[in-house]
Amino acid sequence: DYQLSVEDGKTSALKKLYACRCGSGACRGTML
């Protein structure tokens, strides 16, 4: 689980850039 951290806050652009498509039933939709 990458659990990436960003310093400037989670903008919608960052959420889109780091979207998760792992397909897990527990997918939270982000690598952040």
Full PDB file with SEQRES, HELIX, SHEET, SSBOND, CRYST1, ORIGX, SCALE, CONECT and MASTER records, all heavy atoms in Angstrom:
SEQRES   1 A   32  ASP TYR GLN LEU SER VAL GLU ASP GLY LYS THR SER ALA          
SEQRES   2 A   32  LEU LYS LYS LEU TYR ALA CYS ARG CYS GLY SER GLY ALA          
SEQRES   3 A   32  CYS ARG GLY THR MET LEU                                      
HELIX    1 AA1 SER A   12  LEU A   17  1                                   6    
CRYST1    1.000    1.000    1.000  90.00  90.00  90.00 P 1           1          
ORIGX1      1.000000  0.000000  0.000000        0.00000                         
ORIGX2      0.000000  1.000000  0.000000        0.00000                         
ORIGX3      0.000000  0.000000  1.000000        0.00000                         
SCALE1      1.000000  0.000000  0.000000        0.00000                         
SCALE2      0.000000  1.000000  0.000000        0.00000                         
SCALE3      0.000000  0.000000  1.000000        0.00000                         
ATOM      1  N   ASP A   1       0.880  -1.166   0.000  1.00  0.00           N  
ATOM      2  CA  ASP A   1       0.000   0.000   0.000  1.00  0.00           C  
ATOM      3  C   ASP A   1       0.916   1.213   0.000  1.00  0.00           C  
ATOM      4  O   ASP A   1       1.602   1.481   0.986  1.00  0.00           O  
ATOM      5  CB  ASP A   1      -0.899  -0.020   1.237  1.00  0.00           C  
ATOM      6  CG  ASP A   1      -1.922   1.097   1.228  1.00  0.00           C  
ATOM      7  OD1 ASP A   1      -1.779   2.054   0.435  1.00  0.00           O  
ATOM      8  OD2 ASP A   1      -2.864   1.015   2.038  1.00  0.00           O  
ATOM      9  N   TYR A   2       0.965   1.932  -1.108  1.00  0.00           N  
ATOM     10  CA  TYR A   2       1.911   3.041  -1.238  1.00  0.00           C  
ATOM     11  C   TYR A   2       1.714   4.105  -0.160  1.00  0.00           C  
ATOM     12  O   TYR A   2       2.668   4.696   0.310  1.00  0.00           O  
ATOM     13  CB  TYR A   2       1.790   3.711  -2.603  1.00  0.00           C  
ATOM     14  CG  TYR A   2       2.330   2.915  -3.765  1.00  0.00           C  
ATOM     15  CD1 TYR A   2       2.146   3.373  -5.063  1.00  0.00           C  
ATOM     16  CD2 TYR A   2       3.024   1.725  -3.600  1.00  0.00           C  
ATOM     17  CE1 TYR A   2       2.629   2.671  -6.151  1.00  0.00           C  
ATOM     18  CE2 TYR A   2       3.508   1.016  -4.679  1.00  0.00           C  
ATOM     19  CZ  TYR A   2       3.300   1.496  -5.964  1.00  0.00           C  
ATOM     20  OH  TYR A   2       3.777   0.802  -7.037  1.00  0.00           O  
ATOM     21  N   GLN A   3       0.484   4.418   0.207  1.00  0.00           N  
ATOM     22  CA  GLN A   3       0.200   5.446   1.215  1.00  0.00           C  
ATOM     23  C   GLN A   3       1.042   6.702   0.975  1.00  0.00           C  
ATOM     24  O   GLN A   3       1.743   7.183   1.858  1.00  0.00           O  
ATOM     25  CB  GLN A   3       0.412   4.902   2.626  1.00  0.00           C  
ATOM     26  CG  GLN A   3      -0.517   3.760   2.956  1.00  0.00           C  
ATOM     27  CD  GLN A   3      -0.428   3.335   4.395  1.00  0.00           C  
ATOM     28  OE1 GLN A   3      -0.341   4.168   5.289  1.00  0.00           O  
ATOM     29  NE2 GLN A   3      -0.455   2.037   4.627  1.00  0.00           N  
ATOM     30  N   LEU A   4       0.964   7.209  -0.234  1.00  0.00           N  
ATOM     31  CA  LEU A   4       1.740   8.383  -0.618  1.00  0.00           C  
ATOM     32  C   LEU A   4       1.284   9.599   0.178  1.00  0.00           C  
ATOM     33  O   LEU A   4       0.103   9.778   0.444  1.00  0.00           O  
ATOM     34  CB  LEU A   4       1.564   8.660  -2.111  1.00  0.00           C  
ATOM     35  CG  LEU A   4       1.976   7.519  -3.042  1.00  0.00           C  
ATOM     36  CD1 LEU A   4       1.583   7.843  -4.479  1.00  0.00           C  
ATOM     37  CD2 LEU A   4       3.460   7.247  -2.941  1.00  0.00           C  
ATOM     38  N   SER A   5       2.236  10.441   0.555  1.00  0.00           N  
ATOM     39  CA  SER A   5       1.894  11.670   1.272  1.00  0.00           C  
ATOM     40  C   SER A   5       2.239  12.869   0.398  1.00  0.00           C  
ATOM     41  O   SER A   5       3.191  12.836  -0.380  1.00  0.00           O  
ATOM     42  CB  SER A   5       2.635  11.744   2.606  1.00  0.00           C  
ATOM     43  OG  SER A   5       4.026  11.722   2.397  1.00  0.00           O  
ATOM     44  N   VAL A   6       1.425  13.882   0.510  1.00  0.00           N  
ATOM     45  CA  VAL A   6       1.643  15.124  -0.236  1.00  0.00           C  
ATOM     46  C   VAL A   6       1.658  16.269   0.767  1.00  0.00           C  
ATOM     47  O   VAL A   6       0.913  16.259   1.743  1.00  0.00           O  
ATOM     48  CB  VAL A   6       0.565  15.342  -1.320  1.00  0.00           C  
ATOM     49  CG1 VAL A   6       0.707  14.326  -2.430  1.00  0.00           C  
ATOM     50  CG2 VAL A   6      -0.828  15.289  -0.738  1.00  0.00           C  
ATOM     51  N   GLU A   7       2.491  17.243   0.517  1.00  0.00           N  
ATOM     52  CA  GLU A   7       2.649  18.351   1.458  1.00  0.00           C  
ATOM     53  C   GLU A   7       1.625  19.458   1.257  1.00  0.00           C  
ATOM     54  O   GLU A   7       1.265  20.149   2.196  1.00  0.00           O  
ATOM     55  CB  GLU A   7       4.060  18.930   1.359  1.00  0.00           C  
ATOM     56  CG  GLU A   7       5.119  17.952   1.837  1.00  0.00           C  
ATOM     57  CD  GLU A   7       6.508  18.547   1.818  1.00  0.00           C  
ATOM     58  OE1 GLU A   7       6.635  19.776   1.848  1.00  0.00           O  
ATOM     59  OE2 GLU A   7       7.469  17.765   1.791  1.00  0.00           O  
ATOM     60  N   ASP A   8       1.147  19.629   0.034  1.00  0.00           N  
ATOM     61  CA  ASP A   8       0.278  20.768  -0.262  1.00  0.00           C  
ATOM     62  C   ASP A   8      -1.204  20.449  -0.150  1.00  0.00           C  
ATOM     63  O   ASP A   8      -2.029  21.202  -0.624  1.00  0.00           O  
ATOM     64  CB  ASP A   8       0.584  21.296  -1.671  1.00  0.00           C  
ATOM     65  CG  ASP A   8       1.996  21.844  -1.769  1.00  0.00           C  
ATOM     66  OD1 ASP A   8       2.522  22.307  -0.741  1.00  0.00           O  
ATOM     67  OD2 ASP A   8       2.567  21.805  -2.872  1.00  0.00           O  
ATOM     68  N   GLY A   9      -1.553  19.340   0.464  1.00  0.00           N  
ATOM     69  CA  GLY A   9      -2.961  18.977   0.585  1.00  0.00           C  
ATOM     70  C   GLY A   9      -3.429  18.169  -0.613  1.00  0.00           C  
ATOM     71  O   GLY A   9      -2.826  18.181  -1.681  1.00  0.00           O  
ATOM     72  N   LYS A  10      -4.515  17.477  -0.411  1.00  0.00           N  
ATOM     73  CA  LYS A  10      -5.047  16.590  -1.448  1.00  0.00           C  
ATOM     74  C   LYS A  10      -6.053  17.341  -2.321  1.00  0.00           C  
ATOM     75  O   LYS A  10      -7.227  17.417  -2.006  1.00  0.00           O  
ATOM     76  CB  LYS A  10      -5.705  15.368  -0.813  1.00  0.00           C  
ATOM     77  CG  LYS A  10      -4.743  14.502  -0.056  1.00  0.00           C  
ATOM     78  CD  LYS A  10      -5.471  13.351   0.589  1.00  0.00           C  
ATOM     79  CE  LYS A  10      -4.538  12.570   1.485  1.00  0.00           C  
ATOM     80  NZ  LYS A  10      -5.232  11.584   2.267  1.00  0.00           N  
ATOM     81  N   THR A  11      -5.563  17.884  -3.408  1.00  0.00           N  
ATOM     82  CA  THR A  11      -6.440  18.571  -4.353  1.00  0.00           C  
ATOM     83  C   THR A  11      -7.126  17.538  -5.232  1.00  0.00           C  
ATOM     84  O   THR A  11      -6.703  16.376  -5.304  1.00  0.00           O  
ATOM     85  CB  THR A  11      -5.633  19.531  -5.243  1.00  0.00           C  
ATOM     86  OG1 THR A  11      -4.727  18.752  -6.047  1.00  0.00           O  
ATOM     87  CG2 THR A  11      -4.848  20.548  -4.414  1.00  0.00           C  
ATOM     88  N   SER A  12      -8.175  17.954  -5.916  1.00  0.00           N  
ATOM     89  CA  SER A  12      -8.867  17.025  -6.813  1.00  0.00           C  
ATOM     90  C   SER A  12      -7.936  16.573  -7.943  1.00  0.00           C  
ATOM     91  O   SER A  12      -8.013  15.433  -8.391  1.00  0.00           O  
ATOM     92  CB  SER A  12     -10.149  17.642  -7.367  1.00  0.00           C  
ATOM     93  OG  SER A  12      -9.865  18.834  -8.064  1.00  0.00           O  
ATOM     94  N   ALA A  13      -7.023  17.448  -8.369  1.00  0.00           N  
ATOM     95  CA  ALA A  13      -6.066  17.067  -9.419  1.00  0.00           C  
ATOM     96  C   ALA A  13      -5.122  15.970  -8.925  1.00  0.00           C  
ATOM     97  O   ALA A  13      -4.825  15.025  -9.649  1.00  0.00           O  
ATOM     98  CB  ALA A  13      -5.270  18.291  -9.878  1.00  0.00           C  
ATOM     99  N   LEU A  14      -4.646  16.089  -7.668  1.00  0.00           N  
ATOM    100  CA  LEU A  14      -3.766  15.066  -7.100  1.00  0.00           C  
ATOM    101  C   LEU A  14      -4.515  13.754  -6.894  1.00  0.00           C  
ATOM    102  O   LEU A  14      -3.986  12.684  -7.140  1.00  0.00           O  
ATOM    103  CB  LEU A  14      -3.169  15.529  -5.779  1.00  0.00           C  
ATOM    104  CG  LEU A  14      -1.936  16.405  -5.871  1.00  0.00           C  
ATOM    105  CD1 LEU A  14      -1.505  16.866  -4.488  1.00  0.00           C  
ATOM    106  CD2 LEU A  14      -0.803  15.668  -6.550  1.00  0.00           C  
ATOM    107  N   LYS A  15      -5.763  13.852  -6.431  1.00  0.00           N  
ATOM    108  CA  LYS A  15      -6.561  12.645  -6.243  1.00  0.00           C  
ATOM    109  C   LYS A  15      -6.758  11.924  -7.570  1.00  0.00           C  
ATOM    110  O   LYS A  15      -6.708  10.696  -7.631  1.00  0.00           O  
ATOM    111  CB  LYS A  15      -7.900  12.986  -5.612  1.00  0.00           C  
ATOM    112  CG  LYS A  15      -7.786  13.372  -4.157  1.00  0.00           C  
ATOM    113  CD  LYS A  15      -9.140  13.739  -3.586  1.00  0.00           C  
ATOM    114  CE  LYS A  15      -9.020  14.220  -2.160  1.00  0.00           C  
ATOM    115  NZ  LYS A  15     -10.296  14.640  -1.613  1.00  0.00           N  
ATOM    116  N   LYS A  16      -6.951  12.688  -8.633  1.00  0.00           N  
ATOM    117  CA  LYS A  16      -7.112  12.083  -9.966  1.00  0.00           C  
ATOM    118  C   LYS A  16      -5.789  11.472 -10.428  1.00  0.00           C  
ATOM    119  O   LYS A  16      -5.764  10.368 -10.973  1.00  0.00           O  
ATOM    120  CB  LYS A  16      -7.599  13.132 -10.962  1.00  0.00           C  
ATOM    121  CG  LYS A  16      -7.907  12.583 -12.322  1.00  0.00           C  
ATOM    122  CD  LYS A  16      -8.495  13.648 -13.229  1.00  0.00           C  
ATOM    123  CE  LYS A  16      -8.812  13.058 -14.590  1.00  0.00           C  
ATOM    124  NZ  LYS A  16      -9.386  14.059 -15.495  1.00  0.00           N  
ATOM    125  N   LEU A  17      -4.689  12.184 -10.207  1.00  0.00           N  
ATOM    126  CA  LEU A  17      -3.369  11.705 -10.618  1.00  0.00           C  
ATOM    127  C   LEU A  17      -3.005  10.403  -9.911  1.00  0.00           C  
ATOM    128  O   LEU A  17      -2.410   9.513 -10.500  1.00  0.00           O  
ATOM    129  CB  LEU A  17      -2.306  12.773 -10.328  1.00  0.00           C  
ATOM    130  CG  LEU A  17      -0.867  12.432 -10.685  1.00  0.00           C  
ATOM    131  CD1 LEU A  17      -0.712  12.259 -12.193  1.00  0.00           C  
ATOM    132  CD2 LEU A  17       0.066  13.522 -10.184  1.00  0.00           C  
ATOM    133  N   TYR A  18      -3.363  10.299  -8.622  1.00  0.00           N  
ATOM    134  CA  TYR A  18      -3.020   9.126  -7.822  1.00  0.00           C  
ATOM    135  C   TYR A  18      -4.227   8.230  -7.557  1.00  0.00           C  
ATOM    136  O   TYR A  18      -4.315   7.573  -6.525  1.00  0.00           O  
ATOM    137  CB  TYR A  18      -2.368   9.556  -6.507  1.00  0.00           C  
ATOM    138  CG  TYR A  18      -1.028  10.211  -6.720  1.00  0.00           C  
ATOM    139  CD1 TYR A  18      -0.851  11.570  -6.518  1.00  0.00           C  
ATOM    140  CD2 TYR A  18       0.056   9.466  -7.171  1.00  0.00           C  
ATOM    141  CE1 TYR A  18       0.376  12.173  -6.732  1.00  0.00           C  
ATOM    142  CE2 TYR A  18       1.284  10.057  -7.395  1.00  0.00           C  
ATOM    143  CZ  TYR A  18       1.440  11.409  -7.166  1.00  0.00           C  
ATOM    144  OH  TYR A  18       2.654  11.997  -7.393  1.00  0.00           O  
ATOM    145  N   ALA A  19      -5.139   8.174  -8.520  1.00  0.00           N  
ATOM    146  CA  ALA A  19      -6.315   7.302  -8.394  1.00  0.00           C  
ATOM    147  C   ALA A  19      -5.858   5.844  -8.365  1.00  0.00           C  
ATOM    148  O   ALA A  19      -4.904   5.454  -9.031  1.00  0.00           O  
ATOM    149  CB  ALA A  19      -7.259   7.530  -9.558  1.00  0.00           C  
ATOM    150  N   CYS A  20      -6.546   5.045  -7.557  1.00  0.00           N  
ATOM    151  CA  CYS A  20      -6.229   3.613  -7.457  1.00  0.00           C  
ATOM    152  C   CYS A  20      -7.253   2.815  -8.244  1.00  0.00           C  
ATOM    153  O   CYS A  20      -8.450   3.067  -8.168  1.00  0.00           O  
ATOM    154  CB  CYS A  20      -6.246   3.171  -6.000  1.00  0.00           C  
ATOM    155  SG  CYS A  20      -5.942   1.397  -5.824  1.00  0.00           S  
ATOM    156  N   ARG A  21      -6.761   1.864  -8.971  1.00  0.00           N  
ATOM    157  CA  ARG A  21      -7.618   0.963  -9.741  1.00  0.00           C  
ATOM    158  C   ARG A  21      -7.215  -0.487  -9.465  1.00  0.00           C  
ATOM    159  O   ARG A  21      -7.190  -1.322 -10.352  1.00  0.00           O  
ATOM    160  CB  ARG A  21      -7.501   1.277 -11.224  1.00  0.00           C  
ATOM    161  CG  ARG A  21      -7.994   2.677 -11.567  1.00  0.00           C  
ATOM    162  CD  ARG A  21      -7.733   3.032 -13.022  1.00  0.00           C  
ATOM    163  NE  ARG A  21      -8.037   4.428 -13.275  1.00  0.00           N  
ATOM    164  CZ  ARG A  21      -7.195   5.440 -13.091  1.00  0.00           C  
ATOM    165  NH1 ARG A  21      -5.987   5.218 -12.640  1.00  0.00           N  
ATOM    166  NH2 ARG A  21      -7.555   6.674 -13.345  1.00  0.00           N  
ATOM    167  N   CYS A  22      -6.905  -0.767  -8.191  1.00  0.00           N  
ATOM    168  CA  CYS A  22      -6.380  -2.091  -7.844  1.00  0.00           C  
ATOM    169  C   CYS A  22      -7.439  -3.185  -7.951  1.00  0.00           C  
ATOM    170  O   CYS A  22      -7.105  -4.357  -8.081  1.00  0.00           O  
ATOM    171  CB  CYS A  22      -5.759  -2.081  -6.446  1.00  0.00           C  
ATOM    172  SG  CYS A  22      -6.920  -1.963  -5.072  1.00  0.00           S  
ATOM    173  N   GLY A  23      -8.708  -2.822  -7.890  1.00  0.00           N  
ATOM    174  CA  GLY A  23      -9.757  -3.815  -8.022  1.00  0.00           C  
ATOM    175  C   GLY A  23     -10.079  -4.573  -6.747  1.00  0.00           C  
ATOM    176  O   GLY A  23     -10.941  -5.446  -6.742  1.00  0.00           O  
ATOM    177  N   SER A  24      -9.416  -4.249  -5.662  1.00  0.00           N  
ATOM    178  CA  SER A  24      -9.675  -4.906  -4.384  1.00  0.00           C  
ATOM    179  C   SER A  24     -11.067  -4.532  -3.881  1.00  0.00           C  
ATOM    180  O   SER A  24     -11.534  -3.409  -4.099  1.00  0.00           O  
ATOM    181  CB  SER A  24      -8.624  -4.446  -3.364  1.00  0.00           C  
ATOM    182  OG  SER A  24      -9.035  -4.715  -2.054  1.00  0.00           O  
ATOM    183  N   GLY A  25     -11.711  -5.453  -3.195  1.00  0.00           N  
ATOM    184  CA  GLY A  25     -12.996  -5.151  -2.587  1.00  0.00           C  
ATOM    185  C   GLY A  25     -12.889  -4.063  -1.542  1.00  0.00           C  
ATOM    186  O   GLY A  25     -13.876  -3.405  -1.206  1.00  0.00           O  
ATOM    187  N   ALA A  26     -11.688  -3.841  -1.009  1.00  0.00           N  
ATOM    188  CA  ALA A  26     -11.445  -2.810   0.000  1.00  0.00           C  
ATOM    189  C   ALA A  26     -10.767  -1.576  -0.600  1.00  0.00           C  
ATOM    190  O   ALA A  26     -10.229  -0.751   0.136  1.00  0.00           O  
ATOM    191  CB  ALA A  26     -10.575  -3.386   1.120  1.00  0.00           C  
ATOM    192  N   CYS A  27     -10.807  -1.447  -1.925  1.00  0.00           N  
ATOM    193  CA  CYS A  27     -10.136  -0.311  -2.585  1.00  0.00           C  
ATOM    194  C   CYS A  27     -10.718   1.000  -2.091  1.00  0.00           C  
ATOM    195  O   CYS A  27     -11.921   1.201  -2.072  1.00  0.00           O  
ATOM    196  CB  CYS A  27     -10.281  -0.419  -4.098  1.00  0.00           C  
ATOM    197  SG  CYS A  27      -9.432   0.909  -4.986  1.00  0.00           S  
ATOM    198  N   ARG A  28      -9.831   1.924  -1.686  1.00  0.00           N  
ATOM    199  CA  ARG A  28     -10.267   3.236  -1.203  1.00  0.00           C  
ATOM    200  C   ARG A  28     -10.233   4.281  -2.311  1.00  0.00           C  
ATOM    201  O   ARG A  28     -10.526   5.446  -2.091  1.00  0.00           O  
ATOM    202  CB  ARG A  28      -9.453   3.660   0.010  1.00  0.00           C  
ATOM    203  CG  ARG A  28      -7.992   3.854  -0.225  1.00  0.00           C  
ATOM    204  CD  ARG A  28      -7.278   4.252   1.080  1.00  0.00           C  
ATOM    205  NE  ARG A  28      -5.892   4.503   0.814  1.00  0.00           N  
ATOM    206  CZ  ARG A  28      -4.952   3.570   0.831  1.00  0.00           C  
ATOM    207  NH1 ARG A  28      -5.260   2.336   1.130  1.00  0.00           N  
ATOM    208  NH2 ARG A  28      -3.702   3.890   0.561  1.00  0.00           N  
ATOM    209  N   GLY A  29      -9.817   3.877  -3.522  1.00  0.00           N  
ATOM    210  CA  GLY A  29      -9.854   4.765  -4.675  1.00  0.00           C  
ATOM    211  C   GLY A  29      -8.674   5.685  -4.843  1.00  0.00           C  
ATOM    212  O   GLY A  29      -8.640   6.487  -5.760  1.00  0.00           O  
ATOM    213  N   THR A  30      -7.671   5.569  -3.974  1.00  0.00           N  
ATOM    214  CA  THR A  30      -6.502   6.442  -4.060  1.00  0.00           C  
ATOM    215  C   THR A  30      -5.261   5.718  -3.544  1.00  0.00           C  
ATOM    216  O   THR A  30      -5.362   4.852  -2.682  1.00  0.00           O  
ATOM    217  CB  THR A  30      -6.719   7.750  -3.273  1.00  0.00           C  
ATOM    218  OG1 THR A  30      -5.575   8.590  -3.448  1.00  0.00           O  
ATOM    219  CG2 THR A  30      -6.935   7.506  -1.793  1.00  0.00           C  
ATOM    220  N   MET A  31      -4.112   6.092  -4.100  1.00  0.00           N  
ATOM    221  CA  MET A  31      -2.837   5.592  -3.590  1.00  0.00           C  
ATOM    222  C   MET A  31      -2.288   6.516  -2.513  1.00  0.00           C  
ATOM    223  O   MET A  31      -1.264   6.249  -1.914  1.00  0.00           O  
ATOM    224  CB  MET A  31      -1.823   5.456  -4.727  1.00  0.00           C  
ATOM    225  CG  MET A  31      -2.171   4.358  -5.708  1.00  0.00           C  
ATOM    226  SD  MET A  31      -0.920   4.129  -6.978  1.00  0.00           S  
ATOM    227  CE  MET A  31      -1.360   5.426  -8.120  1.00  0.00           C  
ATOM    228  N   LEU A  32      -2.998   7.641  -2.250  1.00  0.00           N  
ATOM    229  CA  LEU A  32      -2.577   8.585  -1.216  1.00  0.00           C  
ATOM    230  C   LEU A  32      -2.889   8.028   0.157  1.00  0.00           C  
ATOM    231  O   LEU A  32      -3.819   7.238   0.325  1.00  0.00           O  
ATOM    232  CB  LEU A  32      -3.293   9.922  -1.422  1.00  0.00           C  
ATOM    233  CG  LEU A  32      -2.972  10.657  -2.725  1.00  0.00           C  
ATOM    234  CD1 LEU A  32      -3.904  11.850  -2.888  1.00  0.00           C  
ATOM    235  CD2 LEU A  32      -1.527  11.085  -2.763  1.00  0.00           C  
TER     236      LEU A  32                                                      
MASTER        0    0    0    1    0    0    0    6  235    1    0    3          
END                                                                             
